[in-house]
Amino acid sequence: MNFCRYFLVFVLMVFSLISVTYGATLCNMLAIQIKYDDYKIRLGPLEVLCITIWRTLEITSRLMILVLFSATLKLKAVPFLILNFLIILFEPWVKFWRSGAQMPDNIEKNFSRVGTLVVLISVTILYAGINFSCWSALQLRLSDRDLVDKGQNWGHMGLHYSVRLVENVIMVLVFKFFGVKILLNYCHSFIALQLIIVYLISIVFMLLFFQYLHPLRSLFTHNVVDYLHCVCCHQHHQRRAENSEPPFEADTRQNIV
């Protein structure tokens, strides 16, 4: 009886994961169509396979980490998860408020101002829900009539994956040090290492897609390698400038201070 129950739960989890991954893959393709609606886009089997692997590894590792973290802390994990969701939820509204822009009109002809506000809130909740488990592939811009930023914002994508990686490492460490001692006959260190490696592999497939397999990568002003090269060069130039500063100037600055 217990075996049938566990098997049913396992089947439901697998189907849920497949549906979420399929939805995320379609969101990726839809995001490309929205950003480049003036071009005819056709994704080949290799591109679709790369997106599917990227999304499958990203969502699977993220959800497993969330499950293990929640199972470890139980109710104590709720404030952290709610805070995480609220930060994602209010991020577009904070940017909208800081920009000083007005609420977009005519999202739909039959919508009043209250209706427009309801639509914006609903879209923001959906946006936060997607970003909670994986990258949404679109950046929400509430001041725009289209509600999305059609530019290729490498900084936003890099910030998202950097923050998520730090979060995942923290949650995995919590599971490793405070989790149940025996789980599926595996040691905690092995499970924690596997989950982080899987998430890093998903990032590698994401970079591979944008660098070599994106259907309109020729339109990019800068690609992934250029962005990483600029960051590394900026840090390198700063170090060289600090190291090459004459001692006389350094002493003069200290005396002025």
C-alpha atoms as a PDB file:
ATOM      1  CA  MET A   1       0.000   0.000   0.000  1.00  0.00           C
ATOM      2  CA  ASN A   2       2.798   2.413   0.914  1.00  0.00           C
ATOM      3  CA  PHE A   3       4.670   1.460  -2.249  1.00  0.00           C
ATOM      4  CA  CYS A   4       1.662   2.361  -4.416  1.00  0.00           C
ATOM      5  CA  ARG A   5       1.295   5.686  -2.611  1.00  0.00           C
ATOM      6  CA  TYR A   6       4.960   6.585  -3.048  1.00  0.00           C
ATOM      7  CA  PHE A   7       4.888   5.474  -6.662  1.00  0.00           C
ATOM      8  CA  LEU A   8       1.839   7.654  -7.348  1.00  0.00           C
ATOM      9  CA  VAL A   9       3.540  10.664  -5.728  1.00  0.00           C
ATOM     10  CA  PHE A  10       6.671   9.984  -7.788  1.00  0.00           C
ATOM     11  CA  VAL A  11       4.670   9.806 -11.038  1.00  0.00           C
ATOM     12  CA  LEU A  12       2.848  13.054 -10.229  1.00  0.00           C
ATOM     13  CA  MET A  13       6.144  14.793  -9.433  1.00  0.00           C
ATOM     14  CA  VAL A  14       7.685  13.594 -12.711  1.00  0.00           C
ATOM     15  CA  PHE A  15       4.710  14.782 -14.762  1.00  0.00           C
ATOM     16  CA  SER A  16       4.708  18.124 -12.938  1.00  0.00           C
ATOM     17  CA  LEU A  17       8.431  18.561 -13.606  1.00  0.00           C
ATOM     18  CA  ILE A  18       7.968  17.682 -17.280  1.00  0.00           C
ATOM     19  CA  SER A  19       5.109  20.174 -17.650  1.00  0.00           C
ATOM     20  CA  VAL A  20       7.067  22.950 -15.910  1.00  0.00           C
ATOM     21  CA  THR A  21      10.151  22.288 -18.036  1.00  0.00           C
ATOM     22  CA  TYR A  22       8.068  22.198 -21.210  1.00  0.00           C
ATOM     23  CA  GLY A  23       6.453  25.497 -20.231  1.00  0.00           C
ATOM     24  CA  ALA A  24       9.844  27.095 -19.530  1.00  0.00           C
ATOM     25  CA  THR A  25      11.160  25.906 -22.904  1.00  0.00           C
ATOM     26  CA  LEU A  26       8.151  27.427 -24.672  1.00  0.00           C
ATOM     27  CA  CYS A  27       8.676  30.657 -22.697  1.00  0.00           C
ATOM     28  CA  ASN A  28      12.224  30.815 -24.033  1.00  0.00           C
ATOM     29  CA  MET A  29      11.021  30.464 -27.622  1.00  0.00           C
ATOM     30  CA  LEU A  30       8.208  32.968 -27.036  1.00  0.00           C
ATOM     31  CA  ALA A  31      10.673  35.449 -25.515  1.00  0.00           C
ATOM     32  CA  ILE A  32      12.822  35.265 -28.648  1.00  0.00           C
ATOM     33  CA  GLN A  33       9.755  35.862 -30.824  1.00  0.00           C
ATOM     34  CA  ILE A  34       8.680  38.869 -28.723  1.00  0.00           C
ATOM     35  CA  LYS A  35      12.133  40.487 -28.701  1.00  0.00           C
ATOM     36  CA  TYR A  36      12.667  40.019 -32.437  1.00  0.00           C
ATOM     37  CA  ASP A  37       9.118  40.238 -33.795  1.00  0.00           C
ATOM     38  CA  ASP A  38      10.382  41.889 -37.007  1.00  0.00           C
ATOM     39  CA  TYR A  39      12.356  38.786 -37.960  1.00  0.00           C
ATOM     40  CA  LYS A  40      11.274  35.330 -38.994  1.00  0.00           C
ATOM     41  CA  ILE A  41      12.775  32.969 -36.439  1.00  0.00           C
ATOM     42  CA  ARG A  42      13.212  29.251 -36.911  1.00  0.00           C
ATOM     43  CA  LEU A  43      14.785  27.087 -34.215  1.00  0.00           C
ATOM     44  CA  GLY A  44      16.466  23.885 -35.321  1.00  0.00           C
ATOM     45  CA  PRO A  45      16.575  20.589 -33.408  1.00  0.00           C
ATOM     46  CA  LEU A  46      19.989  21.384 -31.906  1.00  0.00           C
ATOM     47  CA  GLU A  47      18.799  24.736 -30.533  1.00  0.00           C
ATOM     48  CA  VAL A  48      15.634  23.194 -29.059  1.00  0.00           C
ATOM     49  CA  LEU A  49      17.686  20.369 -27.515  1.00  0.00           C
ATOM     50  CA  CYS A  50      20.103  22.842 -25.929  1.00  0.00           C
ATOM     51  CA  ILE A  51      17.238  24.915 -24.462  1.00  0.00           C
ATOM     52  CA  THR A  52      15.519  21.763 -23.167  1.00  0.00           C
ATOM     53  CA  ILE A  53      18.666  20.489 -21.434  1.00  0.00           C
ATOM     54  CA  TRP A  54      19.383  23.934 -19.995  1.00  0.00           C
ATOM     55  CA  ARG A  55      15.854  24.336 -18.622  1.00  0.00           C
ATOM     56  CA  THR A  56      15.568  20.742 -17.376  1.00  0.00           C
ATOM     57  CA  LEU A  57      18.796  20.924 -15.367  1.00  0.00           C
ATOM     58  CA  GLU A  58      18.054  24.428 -14.068  1.00  0.00           C
ATOM     59  CA  ILE A  59      14.498  23.709 -12.893  1.00  0.00           C
ATOM     60  CA  THR A  60      15.241  20.223 -11.547  1.00  0.00           C
ATOM     61  CA  SER A  61      18.194  21.356  -9.435  1.00  0.00           C
ATOM     62  CA  ARG A  62      16.408  24.505  -8.223  1.00  0.00           C
ATOM     63  CA  LEU A  63      13.235  22.659  -7.181  1.00  0.00           C
ATOM     64  CA  MET A  64      15.183  19.849  -5.510  1.00  0.00           C
ATOM     65  CA  ILE A  65      17.187  22.395  -3.523  1.00  0.00           C
ATOM     66  CA  LEU A  66      13.984  24.188  -2.484  1.00  0.00           C
ATOM     67  CA  VAL A  67      12.385  20.896  -1.418  1.00  0.00           C
ATOM     68  CA  LEU A  68      15.393  19.771   0.626  1.00  0.00           C
ATOM     69  CA  PHE A  69      15.759  23.223   2.192  1.00  0.00           C
ATOM     70  CA  SER A  70      12.072  23.319   3.139  1.00  0.00           C
ATOM     71  CA  ALA A  71      12.178  19.749   4.478  1.00  0.00           C
ATOM     72  CA  THR A  72      15.198  20.645   6.617  1.00  0.00           C
ATOM     73  CA  LEU A  73      13.890  23.841   8.222  1.00  0.00           C
ATOM     74  CA  LYS A  74      10.148  23.127   7.816  1.00  0.00           C
ATOM     75  CA  LEU A  75       8.187  26.214   8.988  1.00  0.00           C
ATOM     76  CA  LYS A  76      11.402  28.158   9.596  1.00  0.00           C
ATOM     77  CA  ALA A  77      12.001  28.136   5.825  1.00  0.00           C
ATOM     78  CA  VAL A  78       8.721  29.956   5.096  1.00  0.00           C
ATOM     79  CA  PRO A  79       9.963  33.520   5.943  1.00  0.00           C
ATOM     80  CA  PHE A  80      13.029  33.074   3.726  1.00  0.00           C
ATOM     81  CA  LEU A  81      10.943  31.803   0.785  1.00  0.00           C
ATOM     82  CA  ILE A  82       8.313  34.528   1.195  1.00  0.00           C
ATOM     83  CA  LEU A  83      11.006  37.234   1.380  1.00  0.00           C
ATOM     84  CA  ASN A  84      12.643  35.806  -1.730  1.00  0.00           C
ATOM     85  CA  PHE A  85       9.338  35.892  -3.619  1.00  0.00           C
ATOM     86  CA  LEU A  86       8.472  39.415  -2.441  1.00  0.00           C
ATOM     87  CA  ILE A  87      11.848  40.784  -3.595  1.00  0.00           C
ATOM     88  CA  ILE A  88      11.206  39.402  -7.088  1.00  0.00           C
ATOM     89  CA  LEU A  89       7.608  40.629  -6.973  1.00  0.00           C
ATOM     90  CA  PHE A  90       8.412  44.242  -6.063  1.00  0.00           C
ATOM     91  CA  GLU A  91      11.560  44.613  -8.193  1.00  0.00           C
ATOM     92  CA  PRO A  92       9.679  45.777 -11.348  1.00  0.00           C
ATOM     93  CA  TRP A  93       7.566  48.176  -9.285  1.00  0.00           C
ATOM     94  CA  VAL A  94      10.636  49.693  -7.612  1.00  0.00           C
ATOM     95  CA  LYS A  95      12.252  50.249 -11.029  1.00  0.00           C
ATOM     96  CA  PHE A  96       8.995  51.738 -12.285  1.00  0.00           C
ATOM     97  CA  TRP A  97       8.806  54.102  -9.310  1.00  0.00           C
ATOM     98  CA  ARG A  98      12.480  55.143  -9.610  1.00  0.00           C
ATOM     99  CA  SER A  99      12.143  55.841 -13.344  1.00  0.00           C
ATOM    100  CA  GLY A 100       9.415  58.408 -12.687  1.00  0.00           C
ATOM    101  CA  ALA A 101       7.380  57.082 -15.625  1.00  0.00           C
ATOM    102  CA  GLN A 102       3.610  57.017 -15.769  1.00  0.00           C
ATOM    103  CA  MET A 103       1.430  53.944 -15.947  1.00  0.00           C
ATOM    104  CA  PRO A 104       1.089  52.748 -19.576  1.00  0.00           C
ATOM    105  CA  ASP A 105      -2.253  53.420 -21.249  1.00  0.00           C
ATOM    106  CA  ASN A 106      -4.180  51.401 -23.808  1.00  0.00           C
ATOM    107  CA  ILE A 107      -2.829  47.975 -22.871  1.00  0.00           C
ATOM    108  CA  GLU A 108      -6.289  46.948 -23.955  1.00  0.00           C
ATOM    109  CA  LYS A 109      -8.843  49.344 -25.455  1.00  0.00           C
ATOM    110  CA  ASN A 110     -11.638  48.282 -23.118  1.00  0.00           C
ATOM    111  CA  PHE A 111      -9.557  48.518 -19.916  1.00  0.00           C
ATOM    112  CA  SER A 112      -9.992  51.362 -17.468  1.00  0.00           C
ATOM    113  CA  ARG A 113      -7.154  52.603 -15.288  1.00  0.00           C
ATOM    114  CA  VAL A 114      -8.181  50.158 -12.557  1.00  0.00           C
ATOM    115  CA  GLY A 115      -8.279  47.339 -15.098  1.00  0.00           C
ATOM    116  CA  THR A 116      -4.793  48.261 -16.299  1.00  0.00           C
ATOM    117  CA  LEU A 117      -3.545  48.180 -12.719  1.00  0.00           C
ATOM    118  CA  VAL A 118      -5.082  44.729 -12.181  1.00  0.00           C
ATOM    119  CA  VAL A 119      -3.402  43.465 -15.364  1.00  0.00           C
ATOM    120  CA  LEU A 120      -0.027  44.850 -14.259  1.00  0.00           C
ATOM    121  CA  ILE A 121      -0.349  43.229 -10.823  1.00  0.00           C
ATOM    122  CA  SER A 122      -1.329  39.878 -12.377  1.00  0.00           C
ATOM    123  CA  VAL A 123       1.567  39.998 -14.833  1.00  0.00           C
ATOM    124  CA  THR A 124       3.967  40.888 -12.012  1.00  0.00           C
ATOM    125  CA  ILE A 125       2.792  37.930  -9.891  1.00  0.00           C
ATOM    126  CA  LEU A 126       3.235  35.584 -12.865  1.00  0.00           C
ATOM    127  CA  TYR A 127       6.671  37.082 -13.550  1.00  0.00           C
ATOM    128  CA  ALA A 128       7.723  36.601  -9.912  1.00  0.00           C
ATOM    129  CA  GLY A 129       6.439  33.012  -9.875  1.00  0.00           C
ATOM    130  CA  ILE A 130       8.482  32.107 -12.954  1.00  0.00           C
ATOM    131  CA  ASN A 131      11.638  33.828 -11.704  1.00  0.00           C
ATOM    132  CA  PHE A 132      11.319  32.085  -8.359  1.00  0.00           C
ATOM    133  CA  SER A 133      12.137  28.720  -9.964  1.00  0.00           C
ATOM    134  CA  CYS A 134      13.975  29.693 -13.160  1.00  0.00           C
ATOM    135  CA  TRP A 135      14.957  32.634 -15.330  1.00  0.00           C
ATOM    136  CA  SER A 136      11.928  34.105 -17.120  1.00  0.00           C
ATOM    137  CA  ALA A 137      13.946  34.978 -20.281  1.00  0.00           C
ATOM    138  CA  LEU A 138      12.206  38.391 -20.303  1.00  0.00           C
ATOM    139  CA  GLN A 139      12.693  41.470 -18.162  1.00  0.00           C
ATOM    140  CA  LEU A 140       9.453  43.140 -17.119  1.00  0.00           C
ATOM    141  CA  ARG A 141       9.176  46.889 -17.790  1.00  0.00           C
ATOM    142  CA  LEU A 142       5.931  48.309 -16.411  1.00  0.00           C
ATOM    143  CA  SER A 143       6.422  51.727 -18.019  1.00  0.00           C
ATOM    144  CA  ASP A 144       6.346  50.239 -21.528  1.00  0.00           C
ATOM    145  CA  ARG A 145       3.104  49.492 -23.359  1.00  0.00           C
ATOM    146  CA  ASP A 146       4.479  46.069 -24.344  1.00  0.00           C
ATOM    147  CA  LEU A 147       5.439  45.467 -20.679  1.00  0.00           C
ATOM    148  CA  VAL A 148       8.753  43.834 -21.634  1.00  0.00           C
ATOM    149  CA  ASP A 149      12.294  45.029 -22.245  1.00  0.00           C
ATOM    150  CA  LYS A 150      13.175  43.970 -25.780  1.00  0.00           C
ATOM    151  CA  GLY A 151      16.890  44.633 -25.352  1.00  0.00           C
ATOM    152  CA  GLN A 152      19.416  41.885 -24.668  1.00  0.00           C
ATOM    153  CA  ASN A 153      20.259  42.763 -21.068  1.00  0.00           C
ATOM    154  CA  TRP A 154      23.298  40.652 -20.189  1.00  0.00           C
ATOM    155  CA  GLY A 155      23.702  42.387 -16.840  1.00  0.00           C
ATOM    156  CA  HIS A 156      20.195  41.439 -15.686  1.00  0.00           C
ATOM    157  CA  MET A 157      20.674  37.828 -16.727  1.00  0.00           C
ATOM    158  CA  GLY A 158      24.100  37.639 -15.079  1.00  0.00           C
ATOM    159  CA  LEU A 159      22.745  39.167 -11.873  1.00  0.00           C
ATOM    160  CA  HIS A 160      19.850  36.701 -11.787  1.00  0.00           C
ATOM    161  CA  TYR A 161      22.041  33.616 -12.141  1.00  0.00           C
ATOM    162  CA  SER A 162      24.653  34.951  -9.732  1.00  0.00           C
ATOM    163  CA  VAL A 163      22.057  35.603  -7.016  1.00  0.00           C
ATOM    164  CA  ARG A 164      20.369  32.249  -7.627  1.00  0.00           C
ATOM    165  CA  LEU A 165      23.702  30.450  -7.416  1.00  0.00           C
ATOM    166  CA  VAL A 166      24.481  32.083  -4.065  1.00  0.00           C
ATOM    167  CA  GLU A 167      20.974  31.240  -2.805  1.00  0.00           C
ATOM    168  CA  ASN A 168      21.291  27.625  -3.917  1.00  0.00           C
ATOM    169  CA  VAL A 169      24.678  27.253  -2.232  1.00  0.00           C
ATOM    170  CA  ILE A 170      23.282  28.681   1.021  1.00  0.00           C
ATOM    171  CA  MET A 171      20.236  26.388   0.949  1.00  0.00           C
ATOM    172  CA  VAL A 172      22.374  23.351   0.117  1.00  0.00           C
ATOM    173  CA  LEU A 173      24.711  24.142   3.023  1.00  0.00           C
ATOM    174  CA  VAL A 174      21.707  24.407   5.349  1.00  0.00           C
ATOM    175  CA  PHE A 175      20.550  20.995   4.160  1.00  0.00           C
ATOM    176  CA  LYS A 176      24.052  19.545   4.541  1.00  0.00           C
ATOM    177  CA  PHE A 177      24.568  20.688   8.127  1.00  0.00           C
ATOM    178  CA  PHE A 178      21.022  20.635   9.515  1.00  0.00           C
ATOM    179  CA  GLY A 179      19.210  18.024   7.417  1.00  0.00           C
ATOM    180  CA  VAL A 180      18.111  14.538   8.373  1.00  0.00           C
ATOM    181  CA  LYS A 181      21.120  12.255   8.781  1.00  0.00           C
ATOM    182  CA  ILE A 182      19.928   9.520   6.438  1.00  0.00           C
ATOM    183  CA  LEU A 183      18.255  10.264   3.102  1.00  0.00           C
ATOM    184  CA  LEU A 184      18.003   7.700   0.323  1.00  0.00           C
ATOM    185  CA  ASN A 185      21.190   6.039   1.629  1.00  0.00           C
ATOM    186  CA  TYR A 186      23.318   8.924   0.296  1.00  0.00           C
ATOM    187  CA  CYS A 187      25.537  11.229   2.307  1.00  0.00           C
ATOM    188  CA  HIS A 188      24.582  14.883   2.416  1.00  0.00           C
ATOM    189  CA  SER A 189      27.863  16.077   0.939  1.00  0.00           C
ATOM    190  CA  PHE A 190      27.333  13.951  -2.177  1.00  0.00           C
ATOM    191  CA  ILE A 191      23.767  15.211  -2.688  1.00  0.00           C
ATOM    192  CA  ALA A 192      24.777  18.838  -2.101  1.00  0.00           C
ATOM    193  CA  LEU A 193      27.684  18.600  -4.546  1.00  0.00           C
ATOM    194  CA  GLN A 194      25.511  16.956  -7.193  1.00  0.00           C
ATOM    195  CA  LEU A 195      22.838  19.647  -7.007  1.00  0.00           C
ATOM    196  CA  ILE A 196      25.327  22.519  -7.311  1.00  0.00           C
ATOM    197  CA  ILE A 197      27.141  20.811 -10.190  1.00  0.00           C
ATOM    198  CA  VAL A 198      23.845  20.237 -12.026  1.00  0.00           C
ATOM    199  CA  TYR A 199      22.923  23.911 -11.636  1.00  0.00           C
ATOM    200  CA  LEU A 200      26.359  24.983 -12.911  1.00  0.00           C
ATOM    201  CA  ILE A 201      25.979  22.668 -15.914  1.00  0.00           C
ATOM    202  CA  SER A 202      22.633  24.314 -16.703  1.00  0.00           C
ATOM    203  CA  ILE A 203      24.396  27.705 -16.724  1.00  0.00           C
ATOM    204  CA  VAL A 204      26.993  26.286 -19.125  1.00  0.00           C
ATOM    205  CA  PHE A 205      24.238  25.166 -21.531  1.00  0.00           C
ATOM    206  CA  MET A 206      22.622  28.610 -21.240  1.00  0.00           C
ATOM    207  CA  LEU A 207      25.899  30.312 -22.165  1.00  0.00           C
ATOM    208  CA  LEU A 208      26.408  27.821 -24.988  1.00  0.00           C
ATOM    209  CA  PHE A 209      22.999  28.661 -26.438  1.00  0.00           C
ATOM    210  CA  PHE A 210      23.466  32.435 -26.365  1.00  0.00           C
ATOM    211  CA  GLN A 211      27.040  32.275 -27.636  1.00  0.00           C
ATOM    212  CA  TYR A 212      26.697  29.762 -30.493  1.00  0.00           C
ATOM    213  CA  LEU A 213      23.093  28.588 -31.031  1.00  0.00           C
ATOM    214  CA  HIS A 214      20.880  31.666 -30.695  1.00  0.00           C
ATOM    215  CA  PRO A 215      19.098  32.111 -34.076  1.00  0.00           C
ATOM    216  CA  LEU A 216      19.772  35.884 -34.158  1.00  0.00           C
ATOM    217  CA  ARG A 217      23.110  36.058 -32.362  1.00  0.00           C
ATOM    218  CA  SER A 218      24.488  38.105 -35.282  1.00  0.00           C
ATOM    219  CA  LEU A 219      22.258  40.991 -34.115  1.00  0.00           C
ATOM    220  CA  PHE A 220      23.840  41.104 -30.665  1.00  0.00           C
ATOM    221  CA  THR A 221      25.916  44.213 -30.075  1.00  0.00           C
ATOM    222  CA  HIS A 222      27.872  42.169 -27.527  1.00  0.00           C
ATOM    223  CA  ASN A 223      27.749  38.449 -26.855  1.00  0.00           C
ATOM    224  CA  VAL A 224      28.484  36.442 -23.725  1.00  0.00           C
ATOM    225  CA  VAL A 225      32.240  36.285 -24.336  1.00  0.00           C
ATOM    226  CA  ASP A 226      32.389  40.051 -24.915  1.00  0.00           C
ATOM    227  CA  TYR A 227      30.521  40.718 -21.657  1.00  0.00           C
ATOM    228  CA  LEU A 228      32.808  38.438 -19.650  1.00  0.00           C
ATOM    229  CA  HIS A 229      35.849  39.928 -21.383  1.00  0.00           C
ATOM    230  CA  CYS A 230      34.736  43.480 -20.521  1.00  0.00           C
ATOM    231  CA  VAL A 231      34.233  42.561 -16.861  1.00  0.00           C
ATOM    232  CA  CYS A 232      37.644  40.867 -16.647  1.00  0.00           C
ATOM    233  CA  CYS A 233      39.380  43.710 -18.524  1.00  0.00           C
ATOM    234  CA  HIS A 234      37.764  46.324 -16.276  1.00  0.00           C
ATOM    235  CA  GLN A 235      39.034  44.561 -13.163  1.00  0.00           C
ATOM    236  CA  HIS A 236      42.463  44.060 -14.750  1.00  0.00           C
ATOM    237  CA  HIS A 237      42.760  47.765 -15.673  1.00  0.00           C
ATOM    238  CA  GLN A 238      41.740  48.795 -12.171  1.00  0.00           C
ATOM    239  CA  ARG A 239      44.452  46.598 -10.648  1.00  0.00           C
ATOM    240  CA  ARG A 240      47.060  47.924 -13.081  1.00  0.00           C
ATOM    241  CA  ALA A 241      46.065  51.515 -12.324  1.00  0.00           C
ATOM    242  CA  GLU A 242      46.358  50.894  -8.581  1.00  0.00           C
ATOM    243  CA  ASN A 243      49.705  49.122  -8.939  1.00  0.00           C
ATOM    244  CA  SER A 244      51.166  51.700 -11.345  1.00  0.00           C
ATOM    245  CA  GLU A 245      50.247  54.722  -9.203  1.00  0.00           C
ATOM    246  CA  PRO A 246      53.437  56.679  -8.336  1.00  0.00           C
ATOM    247  CA  PRO A 247      54.334  56.647  -4.662  1.00  0.00           C
ATOM    248  CA  PHE A 248      54.617  60.468  -4.662  1.00  0.00           C
ATOM    249  CA  GLU A 249      50.954  60.808  -5.722  1.00  0.00           C
ATOM    250  CA  ALA A 250      49.864  58.286  -3.130  1.00  0.00           C
ATOM    251  CA  ASP A 251      51.720  60.208  -0.384  1.00  0.00           C
ATOM    252  CA  THR A 252      50.230  63.486  -1.610  1.00  0.00           C
ATOM    253  CA  ARG A 253      46.699  62.025  -1.428  1.00  0.00           C
ATOM    254  CA  GLN A 254      47.283  60.820   2.103  1.00  0.00           C
ATOM    255  CA  ASN A 255      48.572  64.259   3.131  1.00  0.00           C
ATOM    256  CA  ILE A 256      45.557  65.974   1.572  1.00  0.00           C
ATOM    257  CA  VAL A 257      43.213  63.597   3.380  1.00  0.00           C
END
